[in-house]
């Protein structure tokens, strides 16, 4: 339990640092016009399998309209982190239900571990973005998506319908990570 609360603290601190850095970047750089931001989001989301989720998740952040590729990368990782943190909390809440079958409890315990890792890997990706280490940035986001998939596989292996909705949550995490990877691909091409 101590490890989860420490991971949550690191997540909060990482997000606060990223918000600060994003504000500093916006204050120091000339902000592109809203039309440029919209075009960039359209370009990024045009490369994603789930364009609607990409558009809705990126456009939900008010900084999207003035963000460059680094800013969009930050926003996309923050969205994935928020999703992972929410799912981690959901799993922790479900673990309190003592009426669940032992197999479901085991799958939830596995998922709790996987999602602790996911949050940590997304935090590591933010650190890599800060120092423009795009190789590690890509690696950490890909690993986070894989860990989420492992959680989904734990439930799929039970051979029953996912009554708790964890598999759907892991699919959403994967899509959000794929969206972040699409932005990272453009970032790598342009080396911002």
N, C-alpha and C. Protein backbone atom coordinates (compact mmCIF):
# COMPACT_ATOMS: atom_id res chain seq x y z
N UNK A 1 0.83 -1.19 0.00
CA UNK A 1 0.00 0.00 0.00
C UNK A 1 0.87 1.25 0.00
N UNK A 2 2.01 1.17 0.73
CA UNK A 2 2.93 2.31 0.78
C UNK A 2 3.47 2.61 -0.61
N UNK A 3 3.73 1.55 -1.40
CA UNK A 3 4.26 1.73 -2.75
C UNK A 3 3.24 2.47 -3.63
N UNK A 4 1.96 2.13 -3.49
CA UNK A 4 0.93 2.79 -4.28
C UNK A 4 0.80 4.26 -3.91
N UNK A 5 0.86 4.58 -2.61
CA UNK A 5 0.74 5.98 -2.22
C UNK A 5 1.97 6.76 -2.64
N UNK A 6 3.15 6.12 -2.64
CA UNK A 6 4.36 6.77 -3.13
C UNK A 6 4.24 7.00 -4.62
N UNK A 7 3.73 6.01 -5.36
CA UNK A 7 3.55 6.18 -6.81
C UNK A 7 2.56 7.29 -7.10
N UNK A 8 1.51 7.37 -6.31
CA UNK A 8 0.52 8.44 -6.52
C UNK A 8 1.15 9.80 -6.25
N UNK A 9 2.00 9.89 -5.22
CA UNK A 9 2.68 11.15 -4.92
C UNK A 9 3.60 11.55 -6.06
N UNK A 10 4.36 10.59 -6.61
CA UNK A 10 5.23 10.88 -7.74
C UNK A 10 4.43 11.34 -8.95
N UNK A 11 3.27 10.73 -9.15
CA UNK A 11 2.41 11.12 -10.27
C UNK A 11 1.97 12.57 -10.11
N UNK A 12 1.52 12.91 -8.93
CA UNK A 12 1.06 14.28 -8.68
C UNK A 12 2.22 15.26 -8.87
N UNK A 13 3.39 14.92 -8.34
CA UNK A 13 4.54 15.81 -8.47
C UNK A 13 4.98 15.93 -9.93
N UNK A 14 4.97 14.82 -10.66
CA UNK A 14 5.34 14.86 -12.08
C UNK A 14 4.37 15.72 -12.88
N UNK A 15 3.08 15.56 -12.61
CA UNK A 15 2.10 16.36 -13.32
C UNK A 15 2.25 17.84 -12.98
N UNK A 16 2.53 18.14 -11.72
CA UNK A 16 2.73 19.54 -11.32
C UNK A 16 3.95 20.13 -12.02
N UNK A 17 5.03 19.34 -12.10
CA UNK A 17 6.23 19.80 -12.79
C UNK A 17 5.95 20.04 -14.26
N UNK A 18 5.23 19.14 -14.88
CA UNK A 18 4.90 19.29 -16.31
C UNK A 18 4.02 20.49 -16.55
N UNK A 19 3.05 20.70 -15.69
CA UNK A 19 2.20 21.89 -15.83
C UNK A 19 3.03 23.16 -15.70
N UNK A 20 3.95 23.17 -14.75
CA UNK A 20 4.82 24.32 -14.58
C UNK A 20 5.67 24.54 -15.83
N UNK A 21 6.27 23.43 -16.34
CA UNK A 21 7.12 23.55 -17.54
C UNK A 21 6.31 24.01 -18.75
N UNK A 22 5.10 23.50 -18.87
CA UNK A 22 4.26 23.92 -19.99
C UNK A 22 3.94 25.40 -19.88
N UNK A 23 3.62 25.87 -18.69
CA UNK A 23 3.34 27.29 -18.50
C UNK A 23 4.58 28.13 -18.80
N UNK A 24 5.76 27.65 -18.40
CA UNK A 24 6.99 28.37 -18.66
C UNK A 24 7.27 28.43 -20.16
N UNK A 25 7.06 27.32 -20.85
CA UNK A 25 7.28 27.27 -22.29
C UNK A 25 6.33 28.22 -22.99
N UNK A 26 5.07 28.22 -22.58
CA UNK A 26 4.09 29.12 -23.19
C UNK A 26 4.46 30.57 -22.95
N UNK A 27 4.99 30.88 -21.77
CA UNK A 27 5.33 32.26 -21.44
C UNK A 27 6.57 32.72 -22.21
N UNK A 28 7.49 31.78 -22.50
CA UNK A 28 8.73 32.16 -23.15
C UNK A 28 8.63 32.17 -24.67
N UNK A 29 7.81 31.32 -25.22
CA UNK A 29 7.72 31.19 -26.67
C UNK A 29 6.52 31.96 -27.19
N UNK A 30 6.64 32.38 -28.43
CA UNK A 30 5.47 32.98 -29.06
C UNK A 30 4.49 31.87 -29.33
N UNK A 31 3.27 32.06 -28.92
CA UNK A 31 2.25 31.04 -29.11
C UNK A 31 1.77 31.08 -30.55
N UNK A 32 1.71 29.89 -31.20
CA UNK A 32 1.19 29.88 -32.54
C UNK A 32 -0.30 30.22 -32.52
N UNK A 33 -0.80 30.61 -33.64
CA UNK A 33 -2.22 30.96 -33.70
C UNK A 33 -3.07 29.74 -33.45
N UNK A 34 -4.32 29.99 -33.08
CA UNK A 34 -5.26 28.91 -32.83
C UNK A 34 -5.42 28.02 -34.06
N UNK A 35 -5.37 28.61 -35.23
CA UNK A 35 -5.51 27.85 -36.46
C UNK A 35 -4.36 26.86 -36.62
N UNK A 36 -3.13 27.28 -36.24
CA UNK A 36 -1.98 26.39 -36.32
C UNK A 36 -2.17 25.23 -35.35
N UNK A 37 -2.59 25.51 -34.11
CA UNK A 37 -2.83 24.46 -33.13
C UNK A 37 -3.88 23.49 -33.60
N UNK A 38 -4.94 23.99 -34.19
CA UNK A 38 -6.01 23.13 -34.71
C UNK A 38 -5.49 22.25 -35.84
N UNK A 39 -4.68 22.82 -36.71
CA UNK A 39 -4.11 22.04 -37.82
C UNK A 39 -3.18 20.96 -37.31
N UNK A 40 -2.41 21.27 -36.30
CA UNK A 40 -1.49 20.30 -35.72
C UNK A 40 -2.24 19.15 -35.08
N UNK A 41 -3.28 19.46 -34.34
CA UNK A 41 -4.10 18.40 -33.72
C UNK A 41 -4.74 17.54 -34.81
N UNK A 42 -5.23 18.16 -35.86
CA UNK A 42 -5.83 17.41 -36.97
C UNK A 42 -4.79 16.50 -37.63
N UNK A 43 -3.56 17.00 -37.79
CA UNK A 43 -2.49 16.19 -38.39
C UNK A 43 -2.16 15.00 -37.51
N UNK A 44 -2.00 15.24 -36.21
CA UNK A 44 -1.67 14.17 -35.27
C UNK A 44 -2.80 13.14 -35.23
N UNK A 45 -4.02 13.61 -35.03
CA UNK A 45 -5.15 12.68 -34.88
C UNK A 45 -5.47 11.97 -36.19
N UNK A 46 -5.09 12.55 -37.31
CA UNK A 46 -5.27 11.88 -38.59
C UNK A 46 -4.46 10.60 -38.70
N UNK A 47 -3.43 10.47 -37.87
CA UNK A 47 -2.57 9.28 -37.89
C UNK A 47 -3.01 8.23 -36.88
N UNK A 48 -4.02 8.53 -36.10
CA UNK A 48 -4.46 7.63 -35.03
C UNK A 48 -5.59 6.72 -35.49
N UNK A 49 -5.63 5.53 -34.93
CA UNK A 49 -6.71 4.60 -35.24
C UNK A 49 -8.05 5.12 -34.74
N UNK A 50 -8.04 5.69 -33.55
CA UNK A 50 -9.28 6.23 -32.98
C UNK A 50 -9.19 7.76 -33.00
N UNK A 51 -9.51 8.31 -34.16
CA UNK A 51 -9.39 9.76 -34.36
C UNK A 51 -10.30 10.55 -33.40
N UNK A 52 -11.49 10.02 -33.15
CA UNK A 52 -12.43 10.73 -32.28
C UNK A 52 -11.90 10.84 -30.85
N UNK A 53 -11.34 9.74 -30.32
CA UNK A 53 -10.77 9.79 -28.97
C UNK A 53 -9.57 10.74 -28.95
N UNK A 54 -8.77 10.71 -29.98
CA UNK A 54 -7.62 11.61 -30.06
C UNK A 54 -8.07 13.06 -30.03
N UNK A 55 -9.01 13.40 -30.89
CA UNK A 55 -9.50 14.77 -30.96
C UNK A 55 -10.13 15.21 -29.64
N UNK A 56 -10.99 14.36 -29.08
CA UNK A 56 -11.68 14.76 -27.85
C UNK A 56 -10.71 14.87 -26.68
N UNK A 57 -9.75 13.95 -26.59
CA UNK A 57 -8.83 13.99 -25.44
C UNK A 57 -7.85 15.16 -25.55
N UNK A 58 -7.34 15.44 -26.74
CA UNK A 58 -6.42 16.56 -26.89
C UNK A 58 -7.14 17.90 -26.79
N UNK A 59 -8.29 17.99 -27.41
CA UNK A 59 -9.01 19.27 -27.40
C UNK A 59 -9.65 19.58 -26.05
N UNK A 60 -9.70 18.62 -25.15
CA UNK A 60 -10.24 18.88 -23.81
C UNK A 60 -9.30 19.76 -22.99
N UNK A 61 -8.04 19.80 -23.38
CA UNK A 61 -7.06 20.62 -22.66
C UNK A 61 -7.01 22.00 -23.29
N UNK A 62 -7.18 23.06 -22.51
CA UNK A 62 -7.19 24.42 -23.08
C UNK A 62 -5.86 24.83 -23.70
N UNK A 63 -4.77 24.18 -23.34
CA UNK A 63 -3.46 24.52 -23.90
C UNK A 63 -3.23 23.94 -25.29
N UNK A 64 -4.11 23.06 -25.73
CA UNK A 64 -3.94 22.41 -27.02
C UNK A 64 -3.90 23.40 -28.17
N UNK A 65 -4.74 24.40 -28.13
CA UNK A 65 -4.85 25.32 -29.26
C UNK A 65 -3.57 26.10 -29.52
N UNK A 66 -2.70 26.24 -28.52
CA UNK A 66 -1.47 26.99 -28.70
C UNK A 66 -0.22 26.12 -28.55
N UNK A 67 -0.42 24.81 -28.45
CA UNK A 67 0.70 23.91 -28.19
C UNK A 67 1.46 23.56 -29.46
N UNK A 68 2.77 23.44 -29.31
CA UNK A 68 3.59 22.89 -30.38
C UNK A 68 3.63 21.37 -30.18
N UNK A 69 4.50 20.67 -30.92
CA UNK A 69 4.55 19.21 -30.80
C UNK A 69 4.96 18.77 -29.41
N UNK A 70 5.92 19.46 -28.79
CA UNK A 70 6.31 19.10 -27.43
C UNK A 70 5.15 19.28 -26.47
N UNK A 71 4.43 20.38 -26.63
CA UNK A 71 3.26 20.62 -25.78
C UNK A 71 2.18 19.58 -25.99
N UNK A 72 1.94 19.20 -27.25
CA UNK A 72 0.93 18.15 -27.52
C UNK A 72 1.37 16.81 -26.95
N UNK A 73 2.67 16.54 -27.00
CA UNK A 73 3.17 15.30 -26.40
C UNK A 73 2.90 15.31 -24.91
N UNK A 74 3.22 16.41 -24.27
CA UNK A 74 2.96 16.55 -22.84
C UNK A 74 1.48 16.36 -22.53
N UNK A 75 0.63 17.00 -23.30
CA UNK A 75 -0.82 16.89 -23.08
C UNK A 75 -1.28 15.45 -23.26
N UNK A 76 -0.82 14.79 -24.32
CA UNK A 76 -1.26 13.42 -24.58
C UNK A 76 -0.80 12.46 -23.48
N UNK A 77 0.40 12.68 -22.95
CA UNK A 77 0.88 11.83 -21.86
C UNK A 77 0.11 12.13 -20.58
N UNK A 78 -0.20 13.39 -20.34
CA UNK A 78 -1.00 13.74 -19.16
C UNK A 78 -2.37 13.08 -19.23
N UNK A 79 -2.97 13.05 -20.41
CA UNK A 79 -4.28 12.41 -20.58
C UNK A 79 -4.18 10.92 -20.27
N UNK A 80 -3.13 10.26 -20.80
CA UNK A 80 -2.94 8.83 -20.54
C UNK A 80 -2.67 8.60 -19.05
N UNK A 81 -1.90 9.47 -18.43
CA UNK A 81 -1.60 9.34 -17.00
C UNK A 81 -2.87 9.50 -16.16
N UNK A 82 -3.69 10.47 -16.51
CA UNK A 82 -4.95 10.67 -15.79
C UNK A 82 -5.83 9.44 -15.91
N UNK A 83 -5.89 8.85 -17.11
CA UNK A 83 -6.67 7.63 -17.31
C UNK A 83 -6.11 6.49 -16.46
N UNK A 84 -4.79 6.32 -16.48
CA UNK A 84 -4.16 5.24 -15.72
C UNK A 84 -4.36 5.43 -14.22
N UNK A 85 -4.25 6.65 -13.75
CA UNK A 85 -4.43 6.94 -12.33
C UNK A 85 -5.88 6.65 -11.91
N UNK A 86 -6.81 7.05 -12.76
CA UNK A 86 -8.23 6.79 -12.49
C UNK A 86 -8.50 5.28 -12.46
N UNK A 87 -7.94 4.55 -13.41
CA UNK A 87 -8.15 3.11 -13.45
C UNK A 87 -7.51 2.44 -12.25
N UNK A 88 -6.34 2.90 -11.85
CA UNK A 88 -5.68 2.36 -10.67
C UNK A 88 -6.55 2.55 -9.42
N UNK A 89 -7.13 3.73 -9.29
CA UNK A 89 -8.02 3.99 -8.15
C UNK A 89 -9.26 3.11 -8.22
N UNK A 90 -9.79 2.92 -9.43
CA UNK A 90 -10.96 2.07 -9.63
C UNK A 90 -10.65 0.62 -9.21
N UNK A 91 -9.49 0.14 -9.63
CA UNK A 91 -9.08 -1.22 -9.29
C UNK A 91 -8.92 -1.35 -7.77
N UNK A 92 -8.32 -0.37 -7.15
CA UNK A 92 -8.16 -0.39 -5.69
C UNK A 92 -9.51 -0.44 -5.00
N UNK A 93 -10.46 0.30 -5.53
CA UNK A 93 -11.82 0.29 -4.97
C UNK A 93 -12.46 -1.09 -5.14
N UNK A 94 -12.29 -1.69 -6.30
CA UNK A 94 -12.88 -3.01 -6.56
C UNK A 94 -12.25 -4.08 -5.67
N UNK A 95 -10.98 -3.91 -5.34
CA UNK A 95 -10.31 -4.89 -4.48
C UNK A 95 -10.92 -4.94 -3.07
N UNK A 96 -11.63 -3.92 -2.70
CA UNK A 96 -12.28 -3.89 -1.38
C UNK A 96 -13.54 -4.76 -1.34
N UNK A 97 -14.04 -5.15 -2.51
CA UNK A 97 -15.25 -5.97 -2.60
C UNK A 97 -14.90 -7.42 -2.30
N UNK A 98 -15.20 -7.87 -1.11
CA UNK A 98 -14.86 -9.23 -0.68
C UNK A 98 -15.79 -10.29 -1.27
N UNK A 99 -16.83 -9.87 -1.97
CA UNK A 99 -17.76 -10.84 -2.55
C UNK A 99 -17.30 -11.34 -3.92
N UNK A 100 -16.23 -10.77 -4.46
CA UNK A 100 -15.75 -11.19 -5.78
C UNK A 100 -15.11 -12.57 -5.69
N UNK A 101 -15.21 -13.31 -6.78
CA UNK A 101 -14.61 -14.63 -6.85
C UNK A 101 -13.09 -14.53 -6.74
N UNK A 102 -12.46 -15.59 -6.23
CA UNK A 102 -11.00 -15.55 -6.06
C UNK A 102 -10.23 -15.26 -7.36
N UNK A 103 -10.70 -15.80 -8.49
CA UNK A 103 -10.03 -15.54 -9.77
C UNK A 103 -10.09 -14.07 -10.15
N UNK A 104 -11.23 -13.44 -9.88
CA UNK A 104 -11.39 -12.02 -10.17
C UNK A 104 -10.51 -11.20 -9.24
N UNK A 105 -10.47 -11.60 -7.97
CA UNK A 105 -9.59 -10.92 -7.01
C UNK A 105 -8.12 -11.01 -7.45
N UNK A 106 -7.71 -12.20 -7.91
CA UNK A 106 -6.34 -12.37 -8.38
C UNK A 106 -6.05 -11.47 -9.59
N UNK A 107 -7.01 -11.45 -10.53
CA UNK A 107 -6.83 -10.60 -11.71
C UNK A 107 -6.74 -9.13 -11.31
N UNK A 108 -7.57 -8.72 -10.36
CA UNK A 108 -7.52 -7.33 -9.88
C UNK A 108 -6.18 -7.03 -9.20
N UNK A 109 -5.68 -7.97 -8.41
CA UNK A 109 -4.37 -7.78 -7.77
C UNK A 109 -3.27 -7.63 -8.81
N UNK A 110 -3.33 -8.48 -9.84
CA UNK A 110 -2.35 -8.36 -10.93
C UNK A 110 -2.47 -7.00 -11.61
N UNK A 111 -3.70 -6.58 -11.86
CA UNK A 111 -3.92 -5.29 -12.52
C UNK A 111 -3.45 -4.13 -11.66
N UNK A 112 -3.62 -4.24 -10.35
CA UNK A 112 -3.14 -3.19 -9.46
C UNK A 112 -1.63 -3.02 -9.62
N UNK A 113 -0.92 -4.15 -9.70
CA UNK A 113 0.54 -4.09 -9.91
C UNK A 113 0.87 -3.52 -11.29
N UNK A 114 0.15 -3.99 -12.31
CA UNK A 114 0.40 -3.50 -13.66
C UNK A 114 0.17 -1.99 -13.74
N UNK A 115 -0.90 -1.52 -13.14
CA UNK A 115 -1.20 -0.09 -13.24
C UNK A 115 -0.27 0.77 -12.39
N UNK A 116 0.28 0.22 -11.32
CA UNK A 116 1.34 0.94 -10.61
C UNK A 116 2.51 1.17 -11.56
N UNK A 117 2.84 0.12 -12.32
CA UNK A 117 3.93 0.22 -13.30
C UNK A 117 3.58 1.20 -14.41
N UNK A 118 2.33 1.14 -14.89
CA UNK A 118 1.91 2.04 -15.97
C UNK A 118 2.10 3.50 -15.56
N UNK A 119 1.63 3.84 -14.38
CA UNK A 119 1.75 5.22 -13.91
C UNK A 119 3.22 5.61 -13.81
N UNK A 120 4.04 4.71 -13.28
CA UNK A 120 5.47 5.01 -13.16
C UNK A 120 6.12 5.19 -14.55
N UNK A 121 5.75 4.35 -15.50
CA UNK A 121 6.33 4.46 -16.84
C UNK A 121 5.90 5.74 -17.54
N UNK A 122 4.67 6.14 -17.33
CA UNK A 122 4.23 7.41 -17.92
C UNK A 122 4.93 8.58 -17.24
N UNK A 123 5.18 8.48 -15.94
CA UNK A 123 5.97 9.50 -15.25
C UNK A 123 7.39 9.55 -15.83
N UNK A 124 7.97 8.37 -16.07
CA UNK A 124 9.30 8.31 -16.66
C UNK A 124 9.31 8.92 -18.06
N UNK A 125 8.21 8.74 -18.78
CA UNK A 125 8.14 9.31 -20.13
C UNK A 125 8.13 10.84 -20.06
N UNK A 126 7.49 11.39 -19.05
CA UNK A 126 7.49 12.84 -18.87
C UNK A 126 8.90 13.35 -18.59
N UNK A 127 9.64 12.60 -17.79
CA UNK A 127 11.03 12.97 -17.52
C UNK A 127 11.85 12.92 -18.80
N UNK A 128 11.63 11.90 -19.62
CA UNK A 128 12.35 11.79 -20.90
C UNK A 128 11.98 12.93 -21.83
N UNK A 129 10.73 13.33 -21.84
CA UNK A 129 10.30 14.46 -22.67
C UNK A 129 11.01 15.74 -22.23
N UNK A 130 11.12 15.93 -20.94
CA UNK A 130 11.75 17.13 -20.39
C UNK A 130 13.18 17.29 -20.89
N UNK A 131 13.91 16.17 -21.03
CA UNK A 131 15.30 16.24 -21.49
C UNK A 131 15.44 15.89 -22.97
N UNK A 132 14.31 15.78 -23.65
CA UNK A 132 14.25 15.49 -25.09
C UNK A 132 14.96 14.19 -25.47
N UNK A 133 14.79 13.19 -24.61
CA UNK A 133 15.30 11.86 -24.90
C UNK A 133 14.15 11.07 -25.53
N UNK A 134 14.00 11.22 -26.85
CA UNK A 134 12.84 10.69 -27.55
C UNK A 134 12.82 9.17 -27.60
N UNK A 135 14.00 8.55 -27.58
CA UNK A 135 14.05 7.09 -27.56
C UNK A 135 13.43 6.53 -26.28
N UNK A 136 13.84 7.10 -25.14
CA UNK A 136 13.26 6.65 -23.87
C UNK A 136 11.79 7.06 -23.76
N UNK A 137 11.47 8.23 -24.29
CA UNK A 137 10.08 8.69 -24.27
C UNK A 137 9.19 7.66 -24.95
N UNK A 138 9.58 7.25 -26.15
CA UNK A 138 8.81 6.25 -26.90
C UNK A 138 8.76 4.93 -26.13
N UNK A 139 9.92 4.51 -25.61
CA UNK A 139 10.01 3.22 -24.90
C UNK A 139 9.06 3.19 -23.71
N UNK A 140 9.02 4.26 -22.91
CA UNK A 140 8.19 4.26 -21.71
C UNK A 140 6.70 4.27 -22.05
N UNK A 141 6.32 5.00 -23.08
CA UNK A 141 4.90 5.02 -23.46
C UNK A 141 4.49 3.66 -24.02
N UNK A 142 5.36 3.05 -24.85
CA UNK A 142 5.05 1.72 -25.38
C UNK A 142 4.95 0.69 -24.25
N UNK A 143 5.84 0.78 -23.27
CA UNK A 143 5.82 -0.15 -22.15
C UNK A 143 4.56 0.04 -21.31
N UNK A 144 4.15 1.28 -21.12
CA UNK A 144 2.92 1.53 -20.37
C UNK A 144 1.72 0.88 -21.06
N UNK A 145 1.66 1.01 -22.39
CA UNK A 145 0.57 0.39 -23.15
C UNK A 145 0.60 -1.13 -22.99
N UNK A 146 1.80 -1.71 -23.02
CA UNK A 146 1.94 -3.16 -22.88
C UNK A 146 1.50 -3.63 -21.50
N UNK A 147 1.87 -2.88 -20.47
CA UNK A 147 1.45 -3.25 -19.11
C UNK A 147 -0.08 -3.19 -18.98
N UNK A 148 -0.69 -2.18 -19.59
CA UNK A 148 -2.15 -2.11 -19.59
C UNK A 148 -2.77 -3.31 -20.28
N UNK A 149 -2.16 -3.72 -21.41
CA UNK A 149 -2.63 -4.91 -22.11
C UNK A 149 -2.53 -6.15 -21.23
N UNK A 150 -1.46 -6.22 -20.44
CA UNK A 150 -1.28 -7.38 -19.55
C UNK A 150 -2.41 -7.44 -18.52
N UNK A 151 -2.85 -6.29 -18.05
CA UNK A 151 -3.98 -6.26 -17.13
C UNK A 151 -5.23 -6.81 -17.82
N UNK A 152 -5.49 -6.33 -19.03
CA UNK A 152 -6.64 -6.80 -19.79
C UNK A 152 -6.58 -8.30 -20.02
N UNK A 153 -5.38 -8.81 -20.30
CA UNK A 153 -5.20 -10.24 -20.54
C UNK A 153 -5.51 -11.05 -19.29
N UNK A 154 -5.22 -10.49 -18.12
CA UNK A 154 -5.52 -11.20 -16.87
C UNK A 154 -7.02 -11.44 -16.74
N UNK A 155 -7.82 -10.48 -17.20
CA UNK A 155 -9.28 -10.66 -17.15
C UNK A 155 -9.77 -11.53 -18.28
N UNK A 156 -9.20 -11.39 -19.45
CA UNK A 156 -9.61 -12.20 -20.59
C UNK A 156 -9.34 -13.68 -20.30
N UNK A 157 -8.25 -13.96 -19.58
CA UNK A 157 -7.90 -15.35 -19.24
C UNK A 157 -8.94 -16.00 -18.34
N UNK A 158 -9.75 -15.21 -17.66
CA UNK A 158 -10.79 -15.78 -16.80
C UNK A 158 -11.88 -16.45 -17.61
N UNK A 159 -11.99 -16.10 -18.88
CA UNK A 159 -12.97 -16.73 -19.75
C UNK A 159 -14.40 -16.30 -19.53
N UNK A 160 -14.59 -15.19 -18.87
CA UNK A 160 -15.95 -14.70 -18.65
C UNK A 160 -16.02 -13.24 -19.06
N UNK A 161 -17.20 -12.76 -19.19
CA UNK A 161 -17.39 -11.35 -19.55
C UNK A 161 -16.76 -10.47 -18.48
N UNK A 162 -16.20 -9.39 -18.91
CA UNK A 162 -15.55 -8.45 -17.99
C UNK A 162 -16.62 -7.58 -17.35
N UNK A 163 -17.23 -8.11 -16.30
CA UNK A 163 -18.33 -7.42 -15.63
C UNK A 163 -17.89 -6.14 -14.94
N UNK A 164 -16.63 -6.04 -14.61
CA UNK A 164 -16.12 -4.86 -13.90
C UNK A 164 -15.67 -3.75 -14.85
N UNK A 165 -15.56 -4.05 -16.13
CA UNK A 165 -15.19 -3.03 -17.10
C UNK A 165 -13.70 -2.75 -17.19
N UNK A 166 -12.87 -3.59 -16.60
CA UNK A 166 -11.43 -3.34 -16.60
C UNK A 166 -10.84 -3.49 -18.00
N UNK A 167 -11.32 -4.46 -18.76
CA UNK A 167 -10.79 -4.66 -20.11
C UNK A 167 -11.06 -3.43 -20.98
N UNK A 168 -12.24 -2.86 -20.87
CA UNK A 168 -12.55 -1.64 -21.62
C UNK A 168 -11.64 -0.49 -21.21
N UNK A 169 -11.34 -0.40 -19.92
CA UNK A 169 -10.44 0.64 -19.45
C UNK A 169 -9.03 0.44 -20.01
N UNK A 170 -8.59 -0.82 -20.08
CA UNK A 170 -7.25 -1.06 -20.62
C UNK A 170 -7.20 -0.76 -22.12
N UNK A 171 -8.28 -1.00 -22.82
CA UNK A 171 -8.33 -0.64 -24.25
C UNK A 171 -8.22 0.88 -24.43
N UNK A 172 -8.91 1.61 -23.58
CA UNK A 172 -8.84 3.08 -23.66
C UNK A 172 -7.41 3.55 -23.36
N UNK A 173 -6.77 2.96 -22.35
CA UNK A 173 -5.38 3.33 -22.06
C UNK A 173 -4.50 3.08 -23.28
N UNK A 174 -4.67 1.92 -23.91
CA UNK A 174 -3.86 1.59 -25.10
C UNK A 174 -4.09 2.64 -26.19
N UNK A 175 -5.34 3.02 -26.42
CA UNK A 175 -5.63 4.02 -27.44
C UNK A 175 -5.00 5.37 -27.09
N UNK A 176 -5.06 5.75 -25.82
CA UNK A 176 -4.45 7.01 -25.40
C UNK A 176 -2.93 6.97 -25.55
N UNK A 177 -2.34 5.83 -25.23
CA UNK A 177 -0.88 5.68 -25.43
C UNK A 177 -0.54 5.71 -26.92
N UNK A 178 -1.38 5.09 -27.75
CA UNK A 178 -1.15 5.15 -29.20
C UNK A 178 -1.25 6.58 -29.72
N UNK A 179 -2.19 7.35 -29.16
CA UNK A 179 -2.29 8.75 -29.54
C UNK A 179 -1.00 9.49 -29.18
N UNK A 180 -0.50 9.23 -27.97
CA UNK A 180 0.76 9.86 -27.55
C UNK A 180 1.90 9.44 -28.48
N UNK A 181 1.91 8.18 -28.89
CA UNK A 181 2.97 7.70 -29.78
C UNK A 181 2.88 8.37 -31.16
N UNK A 182 1.68 8.69 -31.60
CA UNK A 182 1.54 9.41 -32.88
C UNK A 182 2.16 10.80 -32.78
N UNK A 183 1.95 11.47 -31.65
CA UNK A 183 2.55 12.79 -31.46
C UNK A 183 4.07 12.64 -31.35
N UNK A 184 4.51 11.63 -30.63
CA UNK A 184 5.95 11.40 -30.48
C UNK A 184 6.61 11.16 -31.83
N UNK A 185 5.94 10.44 -32.72
CA UNK A 185 6.49 10.19 -34.06
C UNK A 185 6.73 11.50 -34.80
N UNK A 186 5.77 12.40 -34.74
CA UNK A 186 5.95 13.71 -35.37
C UNK A 186 7.05 14.51 -34.68
N UNK A 187 7.09 14.42 -33.37
CA UNK A 187 8.10 15.12 -32.60
C UNK A 187 9.50 14.63 -33.00
N UNK A 188 9.65 13.32 -33.13
CA UNK A 188 10.94 12.74 -33.53
C UNK A 188 11.35 13.23 -34.93
N UNK A 189 10.38 13.29 -35.83
CA UNK A 189 10.67 13.77 -37.20
C UNK A 189 11.15 15.22 -37.19
N UNK A 190 10.51 16.03 -36.36
CA UNK A 190 10.80 17.46 -36.33
C UNK A 190 11.84 17.86 -35.28
N UNK A 191 12.19 16.93 -34.40
CA UNK A 191 13.21 17.16 -33.36
C UNK A 191 13.04 18.50 -32.64
N UNK A 192 11.84 18.75 -32.13
CA UNK A 192 11.60 20.00 -31.38
C UNK A 192 12.14 19.90 -29.99
